[in-house]
C-alpha cells in the first residue's frame, strides 16, 4: 500500500523556527548526517526564504524532497527522504 505524504510519519523532526538562512540548511544537513538511508526528516521553519533554500540545497546534496507544506500563517513543514550519505 502506498503511504500518502500527509500520513507519513517522519523518523526525526527538527524545529528551526527563529533560525535564518544559511543556518536552516546547515542544521537540516547535520540532522540528515545522523540518519540512516531511506529515513525521513521533518524540518519546521518560519523563515520564508528557507522554504525555497532548504529544499533546493538538500536536493542538490542528493536528497529527495517529499513535501513542502504551509502549516499555518507563519510556519512550513519540509519532508526530506535521505537518499544519499552526506
PDB file of N, CA and C in Angstrom:
ATOM      1  N   UNK A   1       0.845  -1.186   0.000  1.00  0.00           N
ATOM      2  CA  UNK A   1       0.000   0.000   0.000  1.00  0.00           C
ATOM      3  C   UNK A   1       0.886   1.244   0.000  1.00  0.00           C
ATOM      4  N   UNK A   2       0.544   2.202  -0.805  1.00  0.00           N
ATOM      5  CA  UNK A   2       1.308   3.443  -0.894  1.00  0.00           C
ATOM      6  C   UNK A   2       0.849   4.389   0.213  1.00  0.00           C
ATOM      7  N   UNK A   3       1.830   4.898   0.956  1.00  0.00           N
ATOM      8  CA  UNK A   3       1.529   5.814   2.050  1.00  0.00           C
ATOM      9  C   UNK A   3       1.412   7.237   1.513  1.00  0.00           C
ATOM     10  N   UNK A   4       0.362   7.939   1.917  1.00  0.00           N
ATOM     11  CA  UNK A   4       0.180   9.323   1.496  1.00  0.00           C
ATOM     12  C   UNK A   4       1.146  10.215   2.266  1.00  0.00           C
ATOM     13  N   UNK A   5       1.606  11.267   1.603  1.00  0.00           N
ATOM     14  CA  UNK A   5       2.577  12.174   2.213  1.00  0.00           C
ATOM     15  C   UNK A   5       2.056  12.745   3.531  1.00  0.00           C
ATOM     16  N   UNK A   6       0.780  13.149   3.572  1.00  0.00           N
ATOM     17  CA  UNK A   6       0.262  13.762   4.796  1.00  0.00           C
ATOM     18  C   UNK A   6       0.080  12.757   5.927  1.00  0.00           C
ATOM     19  N   UNK A   7       0.205  11.458   5.628  1.00  0.00           N
ATOM     20  CA  UNK A   7       0.112  10.429   6.654  1.00  0.00           C
ATOM     21  C   UNK A   7       1.493   9.887   7.024  1.00  0.00           C
ATOM     22  N   UNK A   8       2.511  10.363   6.350  1.00  0.00           N
ATOM     23  CA  UNK A   8       3.867   9.895   6.562  1.00  0.00           C
ATOM     24  C   UNK A   8       4.372  10.331   7.932  1.00  0.00           C
ATOM     25  N   UNK A   9       4.932   9.394   8.673  1.00  0.00           N
ATOM     26  CA  UNK A   9       5.494   9.690   9.986  1.00  0.00           C
ATOM     27  C   UNK A   9       6.998   9.864   9.839  1.00  0.00           C
ATOM     28  N   UNK A  10       7.503  11.064  10.100  1.00  0.00           N
ATOM     29  CA  UNK A  10       8.943  11.276   9.974  1.00  0.00           C
ATOM     30  C   UNK A  10       9.708  10.494  11.040  1.00  0.00           C
ATOM     31  N   UNK A  11      10.933  10.118  10.701  1.00  0.00           N
ATOM     32  CA  UNK A  11      11.796   9.433  11.655  1.00  0.00           C
ATOM     33  C   UNK A  11      12.406  10.421  12.645  1.00  0.00           C
ATOM     34  N   UNK A  12      12.513  11.674  12.230  1.00  0.00           N
ATOM     35  CA  UNK A  12      13.078  12.714  13.084  1.00  0.00           C
ATOM     36  C   UNK A  12      12.467  14.049  12.682  1.00  0.00           C
ATOM     37  N   UNK A  13      12.223  14.908  13.665  1.00  0.00           N
ATOM     38  CA  UNK A  13      11.712  16.254  13.416  1.00  0.00           C
ATOM     39  C   UNK A  13      12.646  17.262  14.066  1.00  0.00           C
ATOM     40  N   UNK A  14      12.987  18.308  13.311  1.00  0.00           N
ATOM     41  CA  UNK A  14      13.751  19.407  13.899  1.00  0.00           C
ATOM     42  C   UNK A  14      12.957  20.700  13.725  1.00  0.00           C
ATOM     43  N   UNK A  15      12.882  21.461  14.795  1.00  0.00           N
ATOM     44  CA  UNK A  15      12.155  22.732  14.808  1.00  0.00           C
ATOM     45  C   UNK A  15      13.176  23.853  14.648  1.00  0.00           C
ATOM     46  N   UNK A  16      13.175  24.480  13.486  1.00  0.00           N
ATOM     47  CA  UNK A  16      14.128  25.549  13.201  1.00  0.00           C
ATOM     48  C   UNK A  16      13.457  26.919  13.164  1.00  0.00           C
ATOM     49  N   UNK A  17      12.320  27.030  13.841  1.00  0.00           N
ATOM     50  CA  UNK A  17      11.656  28.331  13.914  1.00  0.00           C
ATOM     51  C   UNK A  17      12.575  29.306  14.639  1.00  0.00           C
ATOM     52  N   UNK A  18      12.693  30.500  14.087  1.00  0.00           N
ATOM     53  CA  UNK A  18      13.578  31.501  14.655  1.00  0.00           C
ATOM     54  C   UNK A  18      14.964  31.493  14.029  1.00  0.00           C
ATOM     55  N   UNK A  19      15.282  30.443  13.267  1.00  0.00           N
ATOM     56  CA  UNK A  19      16.573  30.352  12.573  1.00  0.00           C
ATOM     57  C   UNK A  19      16.443  30.971  11.182  1.00  0.00           C
ATOM     58  N   UNK A  20      17.534  31.500  10.668  1.00  0.00           N
ATOM     59  CA  UNK A  20      17.545  32.093   9.332  1.00  0.00           C
ATOM     60  C   UNK A  20      18.569  31.367   8.464  1.00  0.00           C
ATOM     61  N   UNK A  21      18.477  31.595   7.169  1.00  0.00           N
ATOM     62  CA  UNK A  21      19.442  31.023   6.232  1.00  0.00           C
ATOM     63  C   UNK A  21      20.806  31.658   6.483  1.00  0.00           C
ATOM     64  N   UNK A  22      21.886  30.944   6.393  1.00  0.00           N
ATOM     65  CA  UNK A  22      22.028  29.563   5.929  1.00  0.00           C
ATOM     66  C   UNK A  22      21.912  28.530   7.039  1.00  0.00           C
ATOM     67  N   UNK A  23      21.627  28.965   8.282  1.00  0.00           N
ATOM     68  CA  UNK A  23      21.601  28.027   9.402  1.00  0.00           C
ATOM     69  C   UNK A  23      20.503  26.984   9.264  1.00  0.00           C
ATOM     70  N   UNK A  24      19.399  27.343   8.621  1.00  0.00           N
ATOM     71  CA  UNK A  24      18.325  26.368   8.426  1.00  0.00           C
ATOM     72  C   UNK A  24      18.817  25.198   7.582  1.00  0.00           C
ATOM     73  N   UNK A  25      19.576  25.482   6.531  1.00  0.00           N
ATOM     74  CA  UNK A  25      20.130  24.414   5.694  1.00  0.00           C
ATOM     75  C   UNK A  25      21.206  23.638   6.443  1.00  0.00           C
ATOM     76  N   UNK A  26      22.112  24.344   7.098  1.00  0.00           N
ATOM     77  CA  UNK A  26      23.223  23.684   7.799  1.00  0.00           C
ATOM     78  C   UNK A  26      22.688  22.729   8.865  1.00  0.00           C
ATOM     79  N   UNK A  27      21.724  23.170   9.653  1.00  0.00           N
ATOM     80  CA  UNK A  27      21.173  22.319  10.711  1.00  0.00           C
ATOM     81  C   UNK A  27      20.378  21.155  10.131  1.00  0.00           C
ATOM     82  N   UNK A  28      19.706  21.365   9.000  1.00  0.00           N
ATOM     83  CA  UNK A  28      18.998  20.268   8.332  1.00  0.00           C
ATOM     84  C   UNK A  28      19.992  19.230   7.836  1.00  0.00           C
ATOM     85  N   UNK A  29      21.072  19.688   7.244  1.00  0.00           N
ATOM     86  CA  UNK A  29      22.107  18.787   6.732  1.00  0.00           C
ATOM     87  C   UNK A  29      22.748  17.994   7.871  1.00  0.00           C
ATOM     88  N   UNK A  30      23.041  18.660   8.981  1.00  0.00           N
ATOM     89  CA  UNK A  30      23.625  17.969  10.133  1.00  0.00           C
ATOM     90  C   UNK A  30      22.677  16.900  10.673  1.00  0.00           C
ATOM     91  N   UNK A  31      21.381  17.197  10.701  1.00  0.00           N
ATOM     92  CA  UNK A  31      20.399  16.211  11.166  1.00  0.00           C
ATOM     93  C   UNK A  31      20.378  15.002  10.237  1.00  0.00           C
ATOM     94  N   UNK A  32      20.434  15.242   8.931  1.00  0.00           N
ATOM     95  CA  UNK A  32      20.438  14.138   7.964  1.00  0.00           C
ATOM     96  C   UNK A  32      21.697  13.287   8.085  1.00  0.00           C
ATOM     97  N   UNK A  33      22.818  13.901   8.428  1.00  0.00           N
ATOM     98  CA  UNK A  33      24.065  13.147   8.585  1.00  0.00           C
ATOM     99  C   UNK A  33      23.932  12.067   9.644  1.00  0.00           C
ATOM    100  N   UNK A  34      23.113  12.310  10.664  1.00  0.00           N
ATOM    101  CA  UNK A  34      22.927  11.364  11.763  1.00  0.00           C
ATOM    102  C   UNK A  34      21.897  10.285  11.445  1.00  0.00           C
ATOM    103  N   UNK A  35      21.216  10.408  10.326  1.00  0.00           N
ATOM    104  CA  UNK A  35      20.132   9.486   9.990  1.00  0.00           C
ATOM    105  C   UNK A  35      20.597   8.414   9.014  1.00  0.00           C
ATOM    106  N   UNK A  36      19.820   7.337   8.945  1.00  0.00           N
ATOM    107  CA  UNK A  36      20.088   6.248   8.009  1.00  0.00           C
ATOM    108  C   UNK A  36      19.438   6.539   6.664  1.00  0.00           C
ATOM    109  N   UNK A  37      19.939   5.871   5.631  1.00  0.00           N
ATOM    110  CA  UNK A  37      19.327   5.991   4.308  1.00  0.00           C
ATOM    111  C   UNK A  37      17.859   5.591   4.380  1.00  0.00           C
ATOM    112  N   UNK A  38      17.032   6.231   3.587  1.00  0.00           N
ATOM    113  CA  UNK A  38      15.588   5.995   3.476  1.00  0.00           C
ATOM    114  C   UNK A  38      14.781   6.499   4.669  1.00  0.00           C
ATOM    115  N   UNK A  39      15.426   7.107   5.646  1.00  0.00           N
ATOM    116  CA  UNK A  39      14.668   7.713   6.733  1.00  0.00           C
ATOM    117  C   UNK A  39      14.179   9.089   6.290  1.00  0.00           C
ATOM    118  N   UNK A  40      13.135   9.569   6.975  1.00  0.00           N
ATOM    119  CA  UNK A  40      12.503  10.838   6.614  1.00  0.00           C
ATOM    120  C   UNK A  40      12.707  11.858   7.732  1.00  0.00           C
ATOM    121  N   UNK A  41      13.179  13.025   7.328  1.00  0.00           N
ATOM    122  CA  UNK A  41      13.379  14.149   8.238  1.00  0.00           C
ATOM    123  C   UNK A  41      12.288  15.183   7.991  1.00  0.00           C
ATOM    124  N   UNK A  42      11.689  15.658   9.074  1.00  0.00           N
ATOM    125  CA  UNK A  42      10.732  16.759   9.000  1.00  0.00           C
ATOM    126  C   UNK A  42      11.421  18.009   9.550  1.00  0.00           C
ATOM    127  N   UNK A  43      11.442  19.062   8.747  1.00  0.00           N
ATOM    128  CA  UNK A  43      12.056  20.332   9.137  1.00  0.00           C
ATOM    129  C   UNK A  43      10.943  21.373   9.221  1.00  0.00           C
ATOM    130  N   UNK A  44      10.827  22.031  10.368  1.00  0.00           N
ATOM    131  CA  UNK A  44       9.823  23.081  10.546  1.00  0.00           C
ATOM    132  C   UNK A  44      10.550  24.422  10.570  1.00  0.00           C
ATOM    133  N   UNK A  45      10.135  25.323   9.680  1.00  0.00           N
ATOM    134  CA  UNK A  45      10.770  26.640   9.570  1.00  0.00           C
ATOM    135  C   UNK A  45       9.718  27.745   9.565  1.00  0.00           C
ATOM    136  N   UNK A  46      10.156  28.941   9.944  1.00  0.00           N
ATOM    137  CA  UNK A  46       9.276  30.108   9.853  1.00  0.00           C
ATOM    138  C   UNK A  46       9.954  31.252   9.098  1.00  0.00           C
ATOM    139  N   UNK A  47      11.137  31.001   8.584  1.00  0.00           N
ATOM    140  CA  UNK A  47      11.890  31.988   7.799  1.00  0.00           C
ATOM    141  C   UNK A  47      11.556  31.726   6.333  1.00  0.00           C
ATOM    142  N   UNK A  48      10.777  32.626   5.733  1.00  0.00           N
ATOM    143  CA  UNK A  48      10.234  32.369   4.396  1.00  0.00           C
ATOM    144  C   UNK A  48      11.282  31.999   3.345  1.00  0.00           C
ATOM    145  N   UNK A  49      12.453  32.639   3.296  1.00  0.00           N
ATOM    146  CA  UNK A  49      13.454  32.213   2.305  1.00  0.00           C
ATOM    147  C   UNK A  49      13.890  30.751   2.481  1.00  0.00           C
ATOM    148  N   UNK A  50      13.820  30.238   3.700  1.00  0.00           N
ATOM    149  CA  UNK A  50      14.210  28.846   3.952  1.00  0.00           C
ATOM    150  C   UNK A  50      13.275  27.861   3.257  1.00  0.00           C
ATOM    151  N   UNK A  51      12.047  28.285   3.002  1.00  0.00           N
ATOM    152  CA  UNK A  51      11.078  27.412   2.340  1.00  0.00           C
ATOM    153  C   UNK A  51      11.561  27.035   0.938  1.00  0.00           C
ATOM    154  N   UNK A  52      12.293  27.916   0.294  1.00  0.00           N
ATOM    155  CA  UNK A  52      12.868  27.621  -1.020  1.00  0.00           C
ATOM    156  C   UNK A  52      14.306  27.129  -0.908  1.00  0.00           C
ATOM    157  N   UNK A  53      15.082  27.748  -0.026  1.00  0.00           N
ATOM    158  CA  UNK A  53      16.509  27.448   0.049  1.00  0.00           C
ATOM    159  C   UNK A  53      16.820  26.066   0.604  1.00  0.00           C
ATOM    160  N   UNK A  54      16.134  25.656   1.669  1.00  0.00           N
ATOM    161  CA  UNK A  54      16.424  24.352   2.275  1.00  0.00           C
ATOM    162  C   UNK A  54      16.125  23.213   1.297  1.00  0.00           C
ATOM    163  N   UNK A  55      14.926  23.153   0.704  1.00  0.00           N
ATOM    164  CA  UNK A  55      14.674  22.062  -0.252  1.00  0.00           C
ATOM    165  C   UNK A  55      15.640  22.074  -1.440  1.00  0.00           C
ATOM    166  N   UNK A  56      15.912  23.250  -1.979  1.00  0.00           N
ATOM    167  CA  UNK A  56      16.817  23.335  -3.129  1.00  0.00           C
ATOM    168  C   UNK A  56      18.216  22.834  -2.768  1.00  0.00           C
ATOM    169  N   UNK A  57      18.727  23.279  -1.635  1.00  0.00           N
ATOM    170  CA  UNK A  57      20.076  22.892  -1.224  1.00  0.00           C
ATOM    171  C   UNK A  57      20.161  21.410  -0.885  1.00  0.00           C
ATOM    172  N   UNK A  58      19.143  20.876  -0.211  1.00  0.00           N
ATOM    173  CA  UNK A  58      19.161  19.450   0.124  1.00  0.00           C
ATOM    174  C   UNK A  58      19.020  18.590  -1.128  1.00  0.00           C
ATOM    175  N   UNK A  59      18.218  19.040  -2.074  1.00  0.00           N
ATOM    176  CA  UNK A  59      18.097  18.316  -3.348  1.00  0.00           C
ATOM    177  C   UNK A  59      19.442  18.305  -4.065  1.00  0.00           C
ATOM    178  N   UNK A  60      20.157  19.426  -4.032  1.00  0.00           N
ATOM    179  CA  UNK A  60      21.487  19.486  -4.640  1.00  0.00           C
ATOM    180  C   UNK A  60      22.473  18.548  -3.954  1.00  0.00           C
ATOM    181  N   UNK A  61      22.198  18.203  -2.690  1.00  0.00           N
ATOM    182  CA  UNK A  61      23.035  17.265  -1.935  1.00  0.00           C
ATOM    183  C   UNK A  61      22.649  15.814  -2.213  1.00  0.00           C
ATOM    184  N   UNK A  62      21.624  15.603  -3.051  1.00  0.00           N
ATOM    185  CA  UNK A  62      21.215  14.250  -3.414  1.00  0.00           C
ATOM    186  C   UNK A  62      20.057  13.688  -2.616  1.00  0.00           C
ATOM    187  N   UNK A  63      19.387  14.533  -1.838  1.00  0.00           N
ATOM    188  CA  UNK A  63      18.257  14.072  -1.035  1.00  0.00           C
ATOM    189  C   UNK A  63      16.949  14.285  -1.801  1.00  0.00           C
ATOM    190  N   UNK A  64      15.907  13.566  -1.390  1.00  0.00           N
ATOM    191  CA  UNK A  64      14.610  13.662  -2.066  1.00  0.00           C
ATOM    192  C   UNK A  64      13.652  14.501  -1.221  1.00  0.00           C
ATOM    193  N   UNK A  65      13.107  15.538  -1.815  1.00  0.00           N
ATOM    194  CA  UNK A  65      12.124  16.380  -1.135  1.00  0.00           C
ATOM    195  C   UNK A  65      10.752  15.753  -1.370  1.00  0.00           C
ATOM    196  N   UNK A  66      10.115  15.335  -0.289  1.00  0.00           N
ATOM    197  CA  UNK A  66       8.808  14.683  -0.394  1.00  0.00           C
ATOM    198  C   UNK A  66       7.667  15.691  -0.379  1.00  0.00           C
ATOM    199  N   UNK A  67       7.825  16.754   0.403  1.00  0.00           N
ATOM    200  CA  UNK A  67       6.743  17.738   0.509  1.00  0.00           C
ATOM    201  C   UNK A  67       7.245  19.020   1.148  1.00  0.00           C
ATOM    202  N   UNK A  68       6.603  20.110   0.775  1.00  0.00           N
ATOM    203  CA  UNK A  68       6.778  21.403   1.438  1.00  0.00           C
ATOM    204  C   UNK A  68       5.368  21.926   1.660  1.00  0.00           C
ATOM    205  N   UNK A  69       4.943  21.967   2.911  1.00  0.00           N
ATOM    206  CA  UNK A  69       3.569  22.338   3.235  1.00  0.00           C
ATOM    207  C   UNK A  69       3.530  23.492   4.221  1.00  0.00           C
ATOM    208  N   UNK A  70       2.617  24.411   3.975  1.00  0.00           N
ATOM    209  CA  UNK A  70       2.390  25.504   4.922  1.00  0.00           C
ATOM    210  C   UNK A  70       1.518  24.959   6.048  1.00  0.00           C
ATOM    211  N   UNK A  71       1.983  25.115   7.277  1.00  0.00           N
ATOM    212  CA  UNK A  71       1.269  24.590   8.443  1.00  0.00           C
ATOM    213  C   UNK A  71       0.250  25.611   8.946  1.00  0.00           C
ATOM    214  N   UNK A  72       0.678  26.873   9.007  1.00  0.00           N
ATOM    215  CA  UNK A  72      -0.187  27.958   9.482  1.00  0.00           C
ATOM    216  C   UNK A  72       0.304  29.263   8.853  1.00  0.00           C
ATOM    217  N   UNK A  73      -0.068  30.390   9.419  1.00  0.00           N
ATOM    218  CA  UNK A  73       0.291  31.684   8.818  1.00  0.00           C
ATOM    219  C   UNK A  73       1.793  31.942   8.764  1.00  0.00           C
ATOM    220  N   UNK A  74       2.552  31.316   9.657  1.00  0.00           N
ATOM    221  CA  UNK A  74       3.983  31.640   9.743  1.00  0.00           C
ATOM    222  C   UNK A  74       4.923  30.455   9.534  1.00  0.00           C
ATOM    223  N   UNK A  75       4.423  29.232   9.601  1.00  0.00           N
ATOM    224  CA  UNK A  75       5.304  28.059   9.619  1.00  0.00           C
ATOM    225  C   UNK A  75       5.091  27.134   8.426  1.00  0.00           C
ATOM    226  N   UNK A  76       6.185  26.488   8.006  1.00  0.00           N
ATOM    227  CA  UNK A  76       6.158  25.495   6.936  1.00  0.00           C
ATOM    228  C   UNK A  76       6.807  24.215   7.424  1.00  0.00           C
ATOM    229  N   UNK A  77       6.402  23.111   6.807  1.00  0.00           N
ATOM    230  CA  UNK A  77       6.970  21.797   7.092  1.00  0.00           C
ATOM    231  C   UNK A  77       7.606  21.287   5.803  1.00  0.00           C
ATOM    232  N   UNK A  78       8.852  20.859   5.911  1.00  0.00           N
ATOM    233  CA  UNK A  78       9.575  20.293   4.773  1.00  0.00           C
ATOM    234  C   UNK A  78       9.893  18.845   5.112  1.00  0.00           C
ATOM    235  N   UNK A  79       9.463  17.915   4.260  1.00  0.00           N
ATOM    236  CA  UNK A  79       9.763  16.495   4.457  1.00  0.00           C
ATOM    237  C   UNK A  79      10.839  16.077   3.471  1.00  0.00           C
ATOM    238  N   UNK A  80      11.906  15.491   4.000  1.00  0.00           N
ATOM    239  CA  UNK A  80      13.064  15.110   3.196  1.00  0.00           C
ATOM    240  C   UNK A  80      13.394  13.649   3.446  1.00  0.00           C
ATOM    241  N   UNK A  81      13.543  12.891   2.375  1.00  0.00           N
ATOM    242  CA  UNK A  81      13.965  11.494   2.491  1.00  0.00           C
ATOM    243  C   UNK A  81      15.460  11.423   2.216  1.00  0.00           C
ATOM    244  N   UNK A  82      16.186  10.802   3.137  1.00  0.00           N
ATOM    245  CA  UNK A  82      17.630  10.669   2.951  1.00  0.00           C
ATOM    246  C   UNK A  82      17.897   9.572   1.924  1.00  0.00           C
ATOM    247  N   UNK A  83      18.416   9.962   0.785  1.00  0.00           N
ATOM    248  CA  UNK A  83      18.705   9.005  -0.284  1.00  0.00           C
ATOM    249  C   UNK A  83      20.194   8.860  -0.546  1.00  0.00           C
ATOM    250  N   UNK A  84      20.985   9.702   0.099  1.00  0.00           N
ATOM    251  CA  UNK A  84      22.428   9.682  -0.146  1.00  0.00           C
ATOM    252  C   UNK A  84      23.146  10.049   1.141  1.00  0.00           C
ATOM    253  N   UNK A  85      24.229   9.334   1.450  1.00  0.00           N
ATOM    254  CA  UNK A  85      25.031   9.708   2.609  1.00  0.00           C
ATOM    255  C   UNK A  85      25.721  11.034   2.344  1.00  0.00           C
ATOM    256  N   UNK A  86      25.757  11.838   3.363  1.00  0.00           N
ATOM    257  CA  UNK A  86      26.359  13.168   3.243  1.00  0.00           C
ATOM    258  C   UNK A  86      27.774  13.122   3.786  1.00  0.00           C
TER     259      UNK A  86
END
